[in-house]
Amino acid sequence: AGFDPIFFFHHSNVDRLFTLWEWCYTEYWMGSGYELDGEKYPWTQAHGTYAQVYNEQLLPDRALQPFRMEQRDYWTSSQTQFLHEQSYPKCT
């Protein structure tokens, strides 16, 4: 599905809308989790990935594998947060 033009445009628009939301609401971010019926739950990766184990907590400074920077370090969620000079995509 990744080479389907409709799929590509749909996900490009999702990325665009999320970036616009981040730009407008800079005080919101993933935080430590969510609350349901008075009980706090951390954000987790329910089914795991090749880089994360089942139900591992998602943290803002954890590596976003396989996405690397030019220095070969992995990007983190904190580094991709909001549009400022040190973020991706680069503001020019």
PDB file of N, CA and C in Angstrom:
ATOM      1  N   ALA A   1       0.818  -1.198   0.000  1.00  0.00           N
ATOM      2  CA  ALA A   1       0.000   0.000   0.000  1.00  0.00           C
ATOM      3  C   ALA A   1       0.862   1.262   0.000  1.00  0.00           C
ATOM      4  N   GLY A   2       2.127   1.148   0.400  1.00  0.00           N
ATOM      5  CA  GLY A   2       2.992   2.322   0.503  1.00  0.00           C
ATOM      6  C   GLY A   2       3.267   3.009  -0.817  1.00  0.00           C
ATOM      7  N   PHE A   3       3.097   2.307  -1.940  1.00  0.00           N
ATOM      8  CA  PHE A   3       3.345   2.908  -3.252  1.00  0.00           C
ATOM      9  C   PHE A   3       2.054   3.359  -3.931  1.00  0.00           C
ATOM     10  N   ASP A   4       0.936   3.197  -3.254  1.00  0.00           N
ATOM     11  CA  ASP A   4      -0.352   3.637  -3.782  1.00  0.00           C
ATOM     12  C   ASP A   4      -0.447   5.158  -3.623  1.00  0.00           C
ATOM     13  N   PRO A   5      -0.711   5.905  -4.698  1.00  0.00           N
ATOM     14  CA  PRO A   5      -0.764   7.373  -4.604  1.00  0.00           C
ATOM     15  C   PRO A   5      -1.808   7.879  -3.600  1.00  0.00           C
ATOM     16  N   ILE A   6      -2.960   7.235  -3.520  1.00  0.00           N
ATOM     17  CA  ILE A   6      -3.989   7.673  -2.571  1.00  0.00           C
ATOM     18  C   ILE A   6      -3.492   7.471  -1.134  1.00  0.00           C
ATOM     19  N   PHE A   7      -2.865   6.349  -0.853  1.00  0.00           N
ATOM     20  CA  PHE A   7      -2.276   6.083   0.461  1.00  0.00           C
ATOM     21  C   PHE A   7      -1.233   7.148   0.798  1.00  0.00           C
ATOM     22  N   PHE A   8      -0.367   7.450  -0.161  1.00  0.00           N
ATOM     23  CA  PHE A   8       0.678   8.460   0.041  1.00  0.00           C
ATOM     24  C   PHE A   8       0.073   9.822   0.373  1.00  0.00           C
ATOM     25  N   PHE A   9      -0.913  10.264  -0.407  1.00  0.00           N
ATOM     26  CA  PHE A   9      -1.516  11.573  -0.167  1.00  0.00           C
ATOM     27  C   PHE A   9      -2.276  11.608   1.160  1.00  0.00           C
ATOM     28  N   HIS A  10      -2.938  10.513   1.503  1.00  0.00           N
ATOM     29  CA  HIS A  10      -3.657  10.458   2.775  1.00  0.00           C
ATOM     30  C   HIS A  10      -2.685  10.636   3.946  1.00  0.00           C
ATOM     31  N   HIS A  11      -1.599   9.870   3.949  1.00  0.00           N
ATOM     32  CA  HIS A  11      -0.657   9.958   5.066  1.00  0.00           C
ATOM     33  C   HIS A  11       0.140  11.258   5.047  1.00  0.00           C
ATOM     34  N   SER A  12       0.370  11.824   3.904  1.00  0.00           N
ATOM     35  CA  SER A  12       0.998  13.148   3.841  1.00  0.00           C
ATOM     36  C   SER A  12       0.092  14.178   4.488  1.00  0.00           C
ATOM     37  N   ASN A  13      -1.205  14.070   4.244  1.00  0.00           N
ATOM     38  CA  ASN A  13      -2.150  14.999   4.847  1.00  0.00           C
ATOM     39  C   ASN A  13      -2.248  14.781   6.357  1.00  0.00           C
ATOM     40  N   VAL A  14      -2.203  13.533   6.815  1.00  0.00           N
ATOM     41  CA  VAL A  14      -2.204  13.262   8.259  1.00  0.00           C
ATOM     42  C   VAL A  14      -0.983  13.914   8.909  1.00  0.00           C
ATOM     43  N   ASP A  15       0.187  13.772   8.299  1.00  0.00           N
ATOM     44  CA  ASP A  15       1.403  14.413   8.815  1.00  0.00           C
ATOM     45  C   ASP A  15       1.255  15.928   8.837  1.00  0.00           C
ATOM     46  N   ARG A  16       0.681  16.488   7.785  1.00  0.00           N
ATOM     47  CA  ARG A  16       0.485  17.937   7.698  1.00  0.00           C
ATOM     48  C   ARG A  16      -0.440  18.418   8.808  1.00  0.00           C
ATOM     49  N   LEU A  17      -1.546  17.716   9.031  1.00  0.00           N
ATOM     50  CA  LEU A  17      -2.499  18.114  10.066  1.00  0.00           C
ATOM     51  C   LEU A  17      -1.902  17.985  11.467  1.00  0.00           C
ATOM     52  N   PHE A  18      -1.135  16.921  11.699  1.00  0.00           N
ATOM     53  CA  PHE A  18      -0.502  16.758  13.003  1.00  0.00           C
ATOM     54  C   PHE A  18       0.518  17.865  13.259  1.00  0.00           C
ATOM     55  N   THR A  19       1.287  18.220  12.244  1.00  0.00           N
ATOM     56  CA  THR A  19       2.262  19.302  12.382  1.00  0.00           C
ATOM     57  C   THR A  19       1.570  20.620  12.661  1.00  0.00           C
ATOM     58  N   LEU A  20       0.460  20.886  11.984  1.00  0.00           N
ATOM     59  CA  LEU A  20      -0.309  22.107  12.235  1.00  0.00           C
ATOM     60  C   LEU A  20      -0.841  22.113  13.661  1.00  0.00           C
ATOM     61  N   TRP A  21      -1.335  20.967  14.134  1.00  0.00           N
ATOM     62  CA  TRP A  21      -1.834  20.877  15.505  1.00  0.00           C
ATOM     63  C   TRP A  21      -0.712  21.168  16.494  1.00  0.00           C
ATOM     64  N   GLU A  22       0.476  20.574  16.279  1.00  0.00           N
ATOM     65  CA  GLU A  22       1.615  20.838  17.170  1.00  0.00           C
ATOM     66  C   GLU A  22       1.996  22.308  17.172  1.00  0.00           C
ATOM     67  N   TRP A  23       1.943  22.944  16.021  1.00  0.00           N
ATOM     68  CA  TRP A  23       2.301  24.354  15.909  1.00  0.00           C
ATOM     69  C   TRP A  23       1.323  25.230  16.687  1.00  0.00           C
ATOM     70  N   CYS A  24       0.037  24.882  16.621  1.00  0.00           N
ATOM     71  CA  CYS A  24      -0.992  25.694  17.285  1.00  0.00           C
ATOM     72  C   CYS A  24      -1.076  25.436  18.789  1.00  0.00           C
ATOM     73  N   TYR A  25      -0.799  24.213  19.229  1.00  0.00           N
ATOM     74  CA  TYR A  25      -0.963  23.829  20.628  1.00  0.00           C
ATOM     75  C   TYR A  25       0.365  23.356  21.209  1.00  0.00           C
ATOM     76  N   THR A  26       1.288  24.273  21.367  1.00  0.00           N
ATOM     77  CA  THR A  26       2.644  23.922  21.802  1.00  0.00           C
ATOM     78  C   THR A  26       2.712  23.420  23.242  1.00  0.00           C
ATOM     79  N   GLU A  27       1.709  23.704  24.075  1.00  0.00           N
ATOM     80  CA  GLU A  27       1.775  23.275  25.475  1.00  0.00           C
ATOM     81  C   GLU A  27       1.376  21.809  25.665  1.00  0.00           C
ATOM     82  N   TYR A  28       0.856  21.161  24.629  1.00  0.00           N
ATOM     83  CA  TYR A  28       0.454  19.754  24.734  1.00  0.00           C
ATOM     84  C   TYR A  28       1.525  18.850  24.146  1.00  0.00           C
ATOM     85  N   TRP A  29       1.790  17.769  24.829  1.00  0.00           N
ATOM     86  CA  TRP A  29       2.709  16.757  24.326  1.00  0.00           C
ATOM     87  C   TRP A  29       2.346  15.442  24.977  1.00  0.00           C
ATOM     88  N   MET A  30       3.037  14.384  24.672  1.00  0.00           N
ATOM     89  CA  MET A  30       2.617  13.062  25.108  1.00  0.00           C
ATOM     90  C   MET A  30       2.604  12.888  26.625  1.00  0.00           C
ATOM     91  N   GLY A  31       3.411  13.624  27.351  1.00  0.00           N
ATOM     92  CA  GLY A  31       3.412  13.531  28.803  1.00  0.00           C
ATOM     93  C   GLY A  31       3.725  12.136  29.291  1.00  0.00           C
ATOM     94  N   SER A  32       3.240  11.815  30.475  1.00  0.00           N
ATOM     95  CA  SER A  32       3.562  10.520  31.085  1.00  0.00           C
ATOM     96  C   SER A  32       2.477   9.477  30.851  1.00  0.00           C
ATOM     97  N   GLY A  33       1.407   9.833  30.176  1.00  0.00           N
ATOM     98  CA  GLY A  33       0.356   8.864  29.900  1.00  0.00           C
ATOM     99  C   GLY A  33      -1.019   9.500  29.912  1.00  0.00           C
ATOM    100  N   TYR A  34      -2.013   8.702  30.256  1.00  0.00           N
ATOM    101  CA  TYR A  34      -3.379   9.191  30.268  1.00  0.00           C
ATOM    102  C   TYR A  34      -4.099   8.655  31.495  1.00  0.00           C
ATOM    103  N   GLU A  35      -5.263   9.233  31.792  1.00  0.00           N
ATOM    104  CA  GLU A  35      -6.039   8.833  32.946  1.00  0.00           C
ATOM    105  C   GLU A  35      -7.394   8.320  32.488  1.00  0.00           C
ATOM    106  N   LEU A  36      -7.828   7.182  33.062  1.00  0.00           N
ATOM    107  CA  LEU A  36      -9.115   6.598  32.730  1.00  0.00           C
ATOM    108  C   LEU A  36      -9.766   6.121  34.017  1.00  0.00           C
ATOM    109  N   ASP A  37     -10.942   6.625  34.307  1.00  0.00           N
ATOM    110  CA  ASP A  37     -11.668   6.281  35.530  1.00  0.00           C
ATOM    111  C   ASP A  37     -10.824   6.483  36.777  1.00  0.00           C
ATOM    112  N   GLY A  38     -10.055   7.575  36.811  1.00  0.00           N
ATOM    113  CA  GLY A  38      -9.249   7.920  37.971  1.00  0.00           C
ATOM    114  C   GLY A  38      -7.943   7.170  38.099  1.00  0.00           C
ATOM    115  N   GLU A  39      -7.640   6.267  37.156  1.00  0.00           N
ATOM    116  CA  GLU A  39      -6.395   5.505  37.210  1.00  0.00           C
ATOM    117  C   GLU A  39      -5.474   5.953  36.080  1.00  0.00           C
ATOM    118  N   LYS A  40      -4.180   6.149  36.404  1.00  0.00           N
ATOM    119  CA  LYS A  40      -3.206   6.606  35.399  1.00  0.00           C
ATOM    120  C   LYS A  40      -2.580   5.418  34.682  1.00  0.00           C
ATOM    121  N   TYR A  41      -2.432   5.578  33.351  1.00  0.00           N
ATOM    122  CA  TYR A  41      -1.805   4.562  32.520  1.00  0.00           C
ATOM    123  C   TYR A  41      -0.699   5.201  31.690  1.00  0.00           C
ATOM    124  N   PRO A  42       0.474   4.569  31.610  1.00  0.00           N
ATOM    125  CA  PRO A  42       1.530   5.113  30.741  1.00  0.00           C
ATOM    126  C   PRO A  42       1.228   4.758  29.285  1.00  0.00           C
ATOM    127  N   TRP A  43       1.774   5.551  28.360  1.00  0.00           N
ATOM    128  CA  TRP A  43       1.683   5.197  26.943  1.00  0.00           C
ATOM    129  C   TRP A  43       2.570   3.978  26.728  1.00  0.00           C
ATOM    130  N   THR A  44       2.062   2.981  26.033  1.00  0.00           N
ATOM    131  CA  THR A  44       2.841   1.768  25.782  1.00  0.00           C
ATOM    132  C   THR A  44       2.731   1.342  24.329  1.00  0.00           C
ATOM    133  N   GLN A  45       3.662   0.503  23.907  1.00  0.00           N
ATOM    134  CA  GLN A  45       3.635  -0.114  22.578  1.00  0.00           C
ATOM    135  C   GLN A  45       2.987  -1.484  22.773  1.00  0.00           C
ATOM    136  N   ALA A  46       1.691  -1.577  22.528  1.00  0.00           N
ATOM    137  CA  ALA A  46       0.911  -2.758  22.901  1.00  0.00           C
ATOM    138  C   ALA A  46       1.446  -4.061  22.321  1.00  0.00           C
ATOM    139  N   HIS A  47       1.829  -4.084  21.062  1.00  0.00           N
ATOM    140  CA  HIS A  47       2.244  -5.326  20.428  1.00  0.00           C
ATOM    141  C   HIS A  47       3.749  -5.416  20.220  1.00  0.00           C
ATOM    142  N   GLY A  48       4.479  -4.398  20.626  1.00  0.00           N
ATOM    143  CA  GLY A  48       5.926  -4.404  20.453  1.00  0.00           C
ATOM    144  C   GLY A  48       6.325  -4.171  18.999  1.00  0.00           C
ATOM    145  N   THR A  49       7.593  -3.952  18.796  1.00  0.00           N
ATOM    146  CA  THR A  49       8.169  -3.782  17.466  1.00  0.00           C
ATOM    147  C   THR A  49       9.493  -4.533  17.459  1.00  0.00           C
ATOM    148  N   TYR A  50      10.228  -4.435  16.361  1.00  0.00           N
ATOM    149  CA  TYR A  50      11.549  -5.088  16.354  1.00  0.00           C
ATOM    150  C   TYR A  50      12.504  -4.409  17.327  1.00  0.00           C
ATOM    151  N   ALA A  51      12.206  -3.165  17.747  1.00  0.00           N
ATOM    152  CA  ALA A  51      13.091  -2.433  18.651  1.00  0.00           C
ATOM    153  C   ALA A  51      12.524  -2.311  20.064  1.00  0.00           C
ATOM    154  N   GLN A  52      11.244  -2.645  20.266  1.00  0.00           N
ATOM    155  CA  GLN A  52      10.620  -2.520  21.579  1.00  0.00           C
ATOM    156  C   GLN A  52       9.902  -3.815  21.937  1.00  0.00           C
ATOM    157  N   VAL A  53       9.958  -4.168  23.213  1.00  0.00           N
ATOM    158  CA  VAL A  53       9.293  -5.382  23.665  1.00  0.00           C
ATOM    159  C   VAL A  53       7.805  -5.118  23.875  1.00  0.00           C
ATOM    160  N   TYR A  54       7.043  -6.177  23.977  1.00  0.00           N
ATOM    161  CA  TYR A  54       5.604  -6.103  24.203  1.00  0.00           C
ATOM    162  C   TYR A  54       5.289  -5.248  25.419  1.00  0.00           C
ATOM    163  N   ASN A  55       4.392  -4.290  25.241  1.00  0.00           N
ATOM    164  CA  ASN A  55       3.866  -3.431  26.303  1.00  0.00           C
ATOM    165  C   ASN A  55       4.924  -2.549  26.969  1.00  0.00           C
ATOM    166  N   GLU A  56       5.994  -2.222  26.263  1.00  0.00           N
ATOM    167  CA  GLU A  56       7.038  -1.346  26.807  1.00  0.00           C
ATOM    168  C   GLU A  56       6.529   0.103  26.842  1.00  0.00           C
ATOM    169  N   GLN A  57       6.873   0.820  27.902  1.00  0.00           N
ATOM    170  CA  GLN A  57       6.441   2.211  28.040  1.00  0.00           C
ATOM    171  C   GLN A  57       7.121   3.077  26.985  1.00  0.00           C
ATOM    172  N   LEU A  58       6.341   3.972  26.371  1.00  0.00           N
ATOM    173  CA  LEU A  58       6.877   4.905  25.382  1.00  0.00           C
ATOM    174  C   LEU A  58       7.328   6.168  26.099  1.00  0.00           C
ATOM    175  N   LEU A  59       8.587   6.499  25.947  1.00  0.00           N
ATOM    176  CA  LEU A  59       9.173   7.663  26.609  1.00  0.00           C
ATOM    177  C   LEU A  59       9.625   8.674  25.560  1.00  0.00           C
ATOM    178  N   PRO A  60       9.572   9.973  25.880  1.00  0.00           N
ATOM    179  CA  PRO A  60       9.910  10.997  24.876  1.00  0.00           C
ATOM    180  C   PRO A  60      11.374  10.996  24.446  1.00  0.00           C
ATOM    181  N   ASP A  61      12.275  10.411  25.231  1.00  0.00           N
ATOM    182  CA  ASP A  61      13.694  10.416  24.860  1.00  0.00           C
ATOM    183  C   ASP A  61      14.194   9.052  24.386  1.00  0.00           C
ATOM    184  N   ARG A  62      13.287   8.170  24.049  1.00  0.00           N
ATOM    185  CA  ARG A  62      13.661   6.848  23.531  1.00  0.00           C
ATOM    186  C   ARG A  62      13.917   6.955  22.027  1.00  0.00           C
ATOM    187  N   ALA A  63      14.843   6.153  21.539  1.00  0.00           N
ATOM    188  CA  ALA A  63      15.209   6.175  20.118  1.00  0.00           C
ATOM    189  C   ALA A  63      14.024   5.774  19.235  1.00  0.00           C
ATOM    190  N   LEU A  64      13.832   6.532  18.149  1.00  0.00           N
ATOM    191  CA  LEU A  64      12.797   6.223  17.160  1.00  0.00           C
ATOM    192  C   LEU A  64      13.434   5.423  16.034  1.00  0.00           C
ATOM    193  N   GLN A  65      13.679   4.155  16.289  1.00  0.00           N
ATOM    194  CA  GLN A  65      14.319   3.311  15.280  1.00  0.00           C
ATOM    195  C   GLN A  65      13.323   3.025  14.167  1.00  0.00           C
ATOM    196  N   PRO A  66      13.700   3.053  12.936  1.00  0.00           N
ATOM    197  CA  PRO A  66      15.021   3.084  12.329  1.00  0.00           C
ATOM    198  C   PRO A  66      15.446   4.475  11.857  1.00  0.00           C
ATOM    199  N   PHE A  67      14.840   5.547  12.363  1.00  0.00           N
ATOM    200  CA  PHE A  67      15.072   6.889  11.832  1.00  0.00           C
ATOM    201  C   PHE A  67      16.311   7.518  12.448  1.00  0.00           C
ATOM    202  N   ARG A  68      17.323   7.748  11.603  1.00  0.00           N
ATOM    203  CA  ARG A  68      18.613   8.279  12.067  1.00  0.00           C
ATOM    204  C   ARG A  68      18.841   9.703  11.575  1.00  0.00           C
ATOM    205  N   MET A  69      19.617  10.441  12.368  1.00  0.00           N
ATOM    206  CA  MET A  69      20.071  11.773  11.979  1.00  0.00           C
ATOM    207  C   MET A  69      21.340  11.626  11.144  1.00  0.00           C
ATOM    208  N   GLU A  70      21.853  12.731  10.670  1.00  0.00           N
ATOM    209  CA  GLU A  70      23.083  12.710   9.876  1.00  0.00           C
ATOM    210  C   GLU A  70      24.261  12.154  10.669  1.00  0.00           C
ATOM    211  N   GLN A  71      24.277  12.336  11.995  1.00  0.00           N
ATOM    212  CA  GLN A  71      25.370  11.851  12.842  1.00  0.00           C
ATOM    213  C   GLN A  71      25.217  10.368  13.171  1.00  0.00           C
ATOM    214  N   ARG A  72      24.226   9.694  12.606  1.00  0.00           N
ATOM    215  CA  ARG A  72      23.937   8.270  12.791  1.00  0.00           C
ATOM    216  C   ARG A  72      23.265   7.953  14.121  1.00  0.00           C
ATOM    217  N   ASP A  73      22.968   8.960  14.960  1.00  0.00           N
ATOM    218  CA  ASP A  73      22.183   8.736  16.172  1.00  0.00           C
ATOM    219  C   ASP A  73      20.708   8.640  15.770  1.00  0.00           C
ATOM    220  N   TYR A  74      19.929   7.941  16.576  1.00  0.00           N
ATOM    221  CA  TYR A  74      18.495   7.857  16.296  1.00  0.00           C
ATOM    222  C   TYR A  74      17.782   9.117  16.759  1.00  0.00           C
ATOM    223  N   TRP A  75      16.755   9.509  16.017  1.00  0.00           N
ATOM    224  CA  TRP A  75      15.884  10.592  16.445  1.00  0.00           C
ATOM    225  C   TRP A  75      15.122  10.141  17.683  1.00  0.00           C
ATOM    226  N   THR A  76      14.715  11.098  18.527  1.00  0.00           N
ATOM    227  CA  THR A  76      13.817  10.819  19.641  1.00  0.00           C
ATOM    228  C   THR A  76      12.556  11.650  19.453  1.00  0.00           C
ATOM    229  N   SER A  77      11.507  11.294  20.161  1.00  0.00           N
ATOM    230  CA  SER A  77      10.264  12.068  20.067  1.00  0.00           C
ATOM    231  C   SER A  77      10.487  13.514  20.501  1.00  0.00           C
ATOM    232  N   SER A  78      11.308  13.724  21.521  1.00  0.00           N
ATOM    233  CA  SER A  78      11.584  15.083  21.992  1.00  0.00           C
ATOM    234  C   SER A  78      12.246  15.930  20.908  1.00  0.00           C
ATOM    235  N   GLN A  79      13.110  15.323  20.098  1.00  0.00           N
ATOM    236  CA  GLN A  79      13.795  16.070  19.042  1.00  0.00           C
ATOM    237  C   GLN A  79      12.869  16.401  17.878  1.00  0.00           C
ATOM    238  N   THR A  80      11.808  15.656  17.694  1.00  0.00           N
ATOM    239  CA  THR A  80      10.887  15.925  16.587  1.00  0.00           C
ATOM    240  C   THR A  80       9.708  16.770  17.027  1.00  0.00           C
ATOM    241  N   GLN A  81       9.651  17.109  18.297  1.00  0.00           N
ATOM    242  CA  GLN A  81       8.539  17.872  18.846  1.00  0.00           C
ATOM    243  C   GLN A  81       8.608  19.334  18.419  1.00  0.00           C
ATOM    244  N   PHE A  82       7.512  19.813  17.870  1.00  0.00           N
ATOM    245  CA  PHE A  82       7.327  21.214  17.516  1.00  0.00           C
ATOM    246  C   PHE A  82       8.316  21.697  16.451  1.00  0.00           C
ATOM    247  N   LEU A  83       8.063  22.840  15.948  1.00  0.00           N
ATOM    248  CA  LEU A  83       8.889  23.390  14.882  1.00  0.00           C
ATOM    249  C   LEU A  83       9.758  24.510  15.427  1.00  0.00           C
ATOM    250  N   HIS A  84      10.980  24.174  15.750  1.00  0.00           N
ATOM    251  CA  HIS A  84      11.960  25.163  16.164  1.00  0.00           C
ATOM    252  C   HIS A  84      13.275  24.812  15.492  1.00  0.00           C
ATOM    253  N   GLU A  85      14.324  25.578  15.736  1.00  0.00           N
ATOM    254  CA  GLU A  85      15.571  25.428  14.993  1.00  0.00           C
ATOM    255  C   GLU A  85      16.218  24.056  15.112  1.00  0.00           C
ATOM    256  N   GLN A  86      16.098  23.398  16.275  1.00  0.00           N
ATOM    257  CA  GLN A  86      16.732  22.099  16.469  1.00  0.00           C
ATOM    258  C   GLN A  86      15.826  20.931  16.066  1.00  0.00           C
ATOM    259  N   SER A  87      14.633  21.196  15.609  1.00  0.00           N
ATOM    260  CA  SER A  87      13.690  20.142  15.270  1.00  0.00           C
ATOM    261  C   SER A  87      13.805  19.689  13.841  1.00  0.00           C
ATOM    262  N   TYR A  88      13.147  18.574  13.580  1.00  0.00           N
ATOM    263  CA  TYR A  88      12.955  18.118  12.211  1.00  0.00           C
ATOM    264  C   TYR A  88      11.469  18.275  11.909  1.00  0.00           C
ATOM    265  N   PRO A  89      11.046  18.810  10.800  1.00  0.00           N
ATOM    266  CA  PRO A  89      11.846  19.310   9.703  1.00  0.00           C
ATOM    267  C   PRO A  89      12.500  20.641  10.033  1.00  0.00           C
ATOM    268  N   LYS A  90      13.593  20.924   9.408  1.00  0.00           N
ATOM    269  CA  LYS A  90      14.329  22.148   9.692  1.00  0.00           C
ATOM    270  C   LYS A  90      13.543  23.369   9.220  1.00  0.00           C
ATOM    271  N   CYS A  91      13.458  24.366  10.103  1.00  0.00           N
ATOM    272  CA  CYS A  91      12.859  25.647   9.723  1.00  0.00           C
ATOM    273  C   CYS A  91      13.956  26.515   9.107  1.00  0.00           C
ATOM    274  N   THR A  92      13.689  27.111   7.991  1.00  0.00           N
ATOM    275  CA  THR A  92      14.699  27.946   7.352  1.00  0.00           C
ATOM    276  C   THR A  92      14.220  29.379   7.203  1.00  0.00           C
TER     277      THR A  92
END
